[in-house]
Amino acid sequence: MLVARRFLVRGRVQGVGFRYYAHEMARLEGVRGFVRNLADGRVEAVAEGDQEAVLAFERAIRRGPPGARVEDVDTEPADPAGRSAFMIRS
């Protein structure tokens, strides 16, 4: 079953390679969507795929890459959009 989730990640998550880490985790899990920095210092990610893959992606971004310090992750359901890839947006 295809599911989608939106994540807002707060903490030390910009300037530490977080978007590239999320991109690699999405690739490993077969998740599609995007990740981008927000002006307020958070990172937004939208992921869609099968439920287990999206859950594995969420676990990964809750850890973050070395150098990051994830303080909180807000999640909400999103509508699957049939994305074909996972992209890093600026």
N, C-alpha and C. Protein backbone atom coordinates (compact mmCIF):
# COMPACT_ATOMS: atom_id res chain seq x y z
N MET A 1 0.83 -1.18 0.00
CA MET A 1 0.00 0.00 0.00
C MET A 1 0.88 1.25 0.00
N LEU A 2 0.60 2.17 -0.89
CA LEU A 2 1.37 3.40 -1.01
C LEU A 2 0.92 4.39 0.06
N VAL A 3 1.89 4.90 0.83
CA VAL A 3 1.63 5.92 1.84
C VAL A 3 2.57 7.09 1.63
N ALA A 4 2.22 8.23 2.21
CA ALA A 4 3.08 9.42 2.13
C ALA A 4 3.03 10.12 3.48
N ARG A 5 4.16 10.69 3.86
CA ARG A 5 4.28 11.43 5.13
C ARG A 5 5.10 12.69 4.88
N ARG A 6 4.77 13.73 5.63
CA ARG A 6 5.55 14.97 5.61
C ARG A 6 6.23 15.09 6.97
N PHE A 7 7.52 15.39 6.93
CA PHE A 7 8.33 15.51 8.14
C PHE A 7 8.91 16.91 8.23
N LEU A 8 8.84 17.50 9.42
CA LEU A 8 9.51 18.76 9.70
C LEU A 8 10.51 18.47 10.81
N VAL A 9 11.79 18.61 10.48
CA VAL A 9 12.88 18.21 11.36
C VAL A 9 13.51 19.45 11.96
N ARG A 10 13.60 19.48 13.29
CA ARG A 10 14.14 20.63 14.00
C ARG A 10 15.39 20.21 14.77
N GLY A 11 16.32 21.13 14.88
CA GLY A 11 17.57 20.91 15.60
C GLY A 11 18.72 21.46 14.79
N ARG A 12 19.87 20.86 14.97
CA ARG A 12 21.04 21.25 14.16
C ARG A 12 20.99 20.38 12.90
N VAL A 13 20.23 20.84 11.91
CA VAL A 13 19.98 20.02 10.73
C VAL A 13 20.32 20.73 9.42
N GLN A 14 20.81 21.93 9.50
CA GLN A 14 21.27 22.62 8.29
C GLN A 14 22.77 22.83 8.39
N GLY A 15 23.44 22.69 7.26
CA GLY A 15 24.89 22.86 7.24
C GLY A 15 25.66 21.64 7.72
N VAL A 16 24.97 20.50 7.85
CA VAL A 16 25.62 19.28 8.34
C VAL A 16 25.41 18.10 7.38
N GLY A 17 24.94 18.37 6.17
CA GLY A 17 24.74 17.31 5.18
C GLY A 17 23.43 16.55 5.36
N PHE A 18 22.47 17.13 6.06
CA PHE A 18 21.24 16.42 6.35
C PHE A 18 20.46 16.09 5.07
N ARG A 19 20.36 17.03 4.14
CA ARG A 19 19.60 16.76 2.91
C ARG A 19 20.23 15.63 2.10
N TYR A 20 21.55 15.59 2.04
CA TYR A 20 22.24 14.53 1.29
C TYR A 20 22.08 13.18 1.99
N TYR A 21 22.09 13.21 3.31
CA TYR A 21 21.84 12.00 4.09
C TYR A 21 20.42 11.50 3.83
N ALA A 22 19.43 12.40 3.87
CA ALA A 22 18.04 12.00 3.61
C ALA A 22 17.90 11.44 2.20
N HIS A 23 18.57 12.04 1.26
CA HIS A 23 18.53 11.56 -0.13
C HIS A 23 19.08 10.14 -0.22
N GLU A 24 20.18 9.88 0.44
CA GLU A 24 20.78 8.54 0.42
C GLU A 24 19.88 7.52 1.13
N MET A 25 19.30 7.90 2.27
CA MET A 25 18.40 6.99 2.97
C MET A 25 17.16 6.68 2.13
N ALA A 26 16.65 7.68 1.43
CA ALA A 26 15.50 7.46 0.54
C ALA A 26 15.88 6.50 -0.58
N ARG A 27 17.07 6.67 -1.13
CA ARG A 27 17.52 5.77 -2.19
C ARG A 27 17.62 4.34 -1.68
N LEU A 28 18.20 4.17 -0.50
CA LEU A 28 18.36 2.83 0.07
C LEU A 28 17.01 2.16 0.36
N GLU A 29 16.03 2.95 0.76
CA GLU A 29 14.72 2.39 1.12
C GLU A 29 13.73 2.36 -0.04
N GLY A 30 14.10 2.97 -1.17
CA GLY A 30 13.19 3.00 -2.32
C GLY A 30 12.04 3.98 -2.14
N VAL A 31 12.30 5.06 -1.41
CA VAL A 31 11.29 6.08 -1.13
C VAL A 31 11.43 7.21 -2.15
N ARG A 32 10.30 7.78 -2.53
CA ARG A 32 10.29 8.92 -3.45
C ARG A 32 9.79 10.16 -2.71
N GLY A 33 10.11 11.35 -3.23
CA GLY A 33 9.66 12.59 -2.61
C GLY A 33 10.72 13.66 -2.72
N PHE A 34 10.88 14.44 -1.64
CA PHE A 34 11.88 15.51 -1.68
C PHE A 34 12.30 15.88 -0.26
N VAL A 35 13.40 16.61 -0.18
CA VAL A 35 13.89 17.19 1.07
C VAL A 35 14.39 18.59 0.75
N ARG A 36 14.17 19.53 1.68
CA ARG A 36 14.65 20.89 1.48
C ARG A 36 14.84 21.60 2.81
N ASN A 37 15.73 22.59 2.79
CA ASN A 37 15.92 23.46 3.95
C ASN A 37 14.81 24.50 3.97
N LEU A 38 14.36 24.86 5.15
CA LEU A 38 13.39 25.93 5.32
C LEU A 38 14.09 27.15 5.90
N ALA A 39 13.53 28.31 5.65
CA ALA A 39 14.14 29.57 6.09
C ALA A 39 14.25 29.67 7.61
N ASP A 40 13.41 28.95 8.34
CA ASP A 40 13.43 29.03 9.80
C ASP A 40 14.43 28.07 10.45
N GLY A 41 15.25 27.39 9.64
CA GLY A 41 16.28 26.50 10.18
C GLY A 41 15.89 25.03 10.23
N ARG A 42 14.63 24.72 9.96
CA ARG A 42 14.19 23.33 9.92
C ARG A 42 14.45 22.74 8.54
N VAL A 43 14.30 21.43 8.46
CA VAL A 43 14.35 20.71 7.19
C VAL A 43 12.99 20.05 6.99
N GLU A 44 12.46 20.18 5.79
CA GLU A 44 11.20 19.53 5.42
C GLU A 44 11.50 18.37 4.49
N ALA A 45 10.85 17.25 4.74
CA ALA A 45 10.96 16.09 3.85
C ALA A 45 9.57 15.54 3.61
N VAL A 46 9.30 15.15 2.39
CA VAL A 46 8.08 14.45 2.04
C VAL A 46 8.52 13.13 1.43
N ALA A 47 7.99 12.05 1.97
CA ALA A 47 8.38 10.72 1.51
C ALA A 47 7.15 9.90 1.18
N GLU A 48 7.22 9.19 0.07
CA GLU A 48 6.13 8.27 -0.27
C GLU A 48 6.71 6.96 -0.77
N GLY A 49 6.00 5.91 -0.47
CA GLY A 49 6.42 4.57 -0.85
C GLY A 49 5.60 3.57 -0.07
N ASP A 50 6.07 2.34 0.00
CA ASP A 50 5.32 1.39 0.82
C ASP A 50 5.54 1.73 2.29
N GLN A 51 4.62 1.30 3.12
CA GLN A 51 4.60 1.70 4.52
C GLN A 51 5.91 1.38 5.25
N GLU A 52 6.45 0.20 5.05
CA GLU A 52 7.69 -0.19 5.73
C GLU A 52 8.86 0.69 5.30
N ALA A 53 8.93 1.03 4.02
CA ALA A 53 10.01 1.88 3.53
C ALA A 53 9.93 3.28 4.12
N VAL A 54 8.72 3.83 4.20
CA VAL A 54 8.55 5.17 4.76
C VAL A 54 8.89 5.17 6.26
N LEU A 55 8.51 4.11 6.96
CA LEU A 55 8.87 4.00 8.38
C LEU A 55 10.38 3.90 8.57
N ALA A 56 11.06 3.13 7.73
CA ALA A 56 12.52 3.02 7.81
C ALA A 56 13.17 4.37 7.51
N PHE A 57 12.64 5.10 6.53
CA PHE A 57 13.14 6.44 6.22
C PHE A 57 12.96 7.36 7.43
N GLU A 58 11.80 7.30 8.07
CA GLU A 58 11.55 8.13 9.24
C GLU A 58 12.54 7.82 10.36
N ARG A 59 12.78 6.54 10.61
CA ARG A 59 13.77 6.18 11.65
C ARG A 59 15.13 6.77 11.33
N ALA A 60 15.51 6.74 10.06
CA ALA A 60 16.82 7.27 9.66
C ALA A 60 16.90 8.78 9.87
N ILE A 61 15.86 9.51 9.47
CA ILE A 61 15.96 10.97 9.63
C ILE A 61 15.81 11.39 11.09
N ARG A 62 15.22 10.56 11.91
CA ARG A 62 15.18 10.87 13.34
C ARG A 62 16.59 10.76 13.96
N ARG A 63 17.45 9.94 13.37
CA ARG A 63 18.85 9.85 13.81
C ARG A 63 19.67 10.97 13.19
N GLY A 64 19.55 11.13 11.88
CA GLY A 64 20.33 12.13 11.16
C GLY A 64 21.76 11.68 10.94
N PRO A 65 22.49 12.44 10.15
CA PRO A 65 23.89 12.12 9.86
C PRO A 65 24.80 12.53 11.01
N PRO A 66 26.06 12.05 11.00
CA PRO A 66 27.02 12.55 11.99
C PRO A 66 27.11 14.07 11.89
N GLY A 67 27.15 14.73 12.99
CA GLY A 67 27.22 16.19 13.00
C GLY A 67 25.87 16.85 13.18
N ALA A 68 24.80 16.13 12.90
CA ALA A 68 23.45 16.68 13.10
C ALA A 68 23.01 16.39 14.54
N ARG A 69 22.07 17.18 15.01
CA ARG A 69 21.45 16.92 16.30
C ARG A 69 19.94 17.13 16.10
N VAL A 70 19.24 16.06 15.89
CA VAL A 70 17.79 16.13 15.67
C VAL A 70 17.11 16.27 17.02
N GLU A 71 16.42 17.38 17.21
CA GLU A 71 15.72 17.63 18.47
C GLU A 71 14.28 17.17 18.42
N ASP A 72 13.64 17.31 17.27
CA ASP A 72 12.23 16.96 17.15
C ASP A 72 11.88 16.73 15.69
N VAL A 73 10.92 15.84 15.46
CA VAL A 73 10.41 15.59 14.11
C VAL A 73 8.90 15.59 14.19
N ASP A 74 8.28 16.57 13.56
CA ASP A 74 6.82 16.60 13.44
C ASP A 74 6.45 15.83 12.18
N THR A 75 5.44 14.99 12.28
CA THR A 75 5.01 14.21 11.12
C THR A 75 3.53 14.41 10.90
N GLU A 76 3.15 14.33 9.65
CA GLU A 76 1.73 14.39 9.30
C GLU A 76 1.53 13.59 8.02
N PRO A 77 0.34 13.03 7.87
CA PRO A 77 0.07 12.30 6.64
C PRO A 77 0.05 13.25 5.45
N ALA A 78 0.40 12.74 4.30
CA ALA A 78 0.35 13.50 3.06
C ALA A 78 -0.31 12.63 2.00
N ASP A 79 -0.76 13.26 0.95
CA ASP A 79 -1.36 12.50 -0.15
C ASP A 79 -0.27 12.02 -1.08
N PRO A 80 -0.23 10.73 -1.40
CA PRO A 80 0.74 10.25 -2.39
C PRO A 80 0.53 10.98 -3.71
N ALA A 81 1.60 11.44 -4.30
CA ALA A 81 1.52 12.22 -5.54
C ALA A 81 2.07 11.46 -6.73
N GLY A 82 2.46 10.22 -6.54
CA GLY A 82 3.01 9.45 -7.65
C GLY A 82 4.37 9.94 -8.11
N ARG A 83 5.16 10.46 -7.17
CA ARG A 83 6.49 10.94 -7.53
C ARG A 83 7.34 9.79 -8.05
N SER A 84 8.28 10.11 -8.93
CA SER A 84 9.09 9.06 -9.55
C SER A 84 10.51 8.99 -8.99
N ALA A 85 10.89 9.95 -8.14
CA ALA A 85 12.25 10.00 -7.60
C ALA A 85 12.24 10.74 -6.28
N PHE A 86 13.38 10.76 -5.61
CA PHE A 86 13.57 11.57 -4.40
C PHE A 86 14.56 12.65 -4.76
N MET A 87 14.19 13.90 -4.53
CA MET A 87 15.01 15.03 -4.96
C MET A 87 15.41 15.92 -3.79
N ILE A 88 16.57 16.54 -3.92
CA ILE A 88 17.00 17.58 -2.99
C ILE A 88 16.59 18.91 -3.61
N ARG A 89 15.78 19.65 -2.88
CA ARG A 89 15.36 20.97 -3.35
C ARG A 89 16.12 22.03 -2.59
N SER A 90 16.31 23.18 -3.23
CA SER A 90 17.00 24.28 -2.55
C SER A 90 16.01 25.23 -1.93
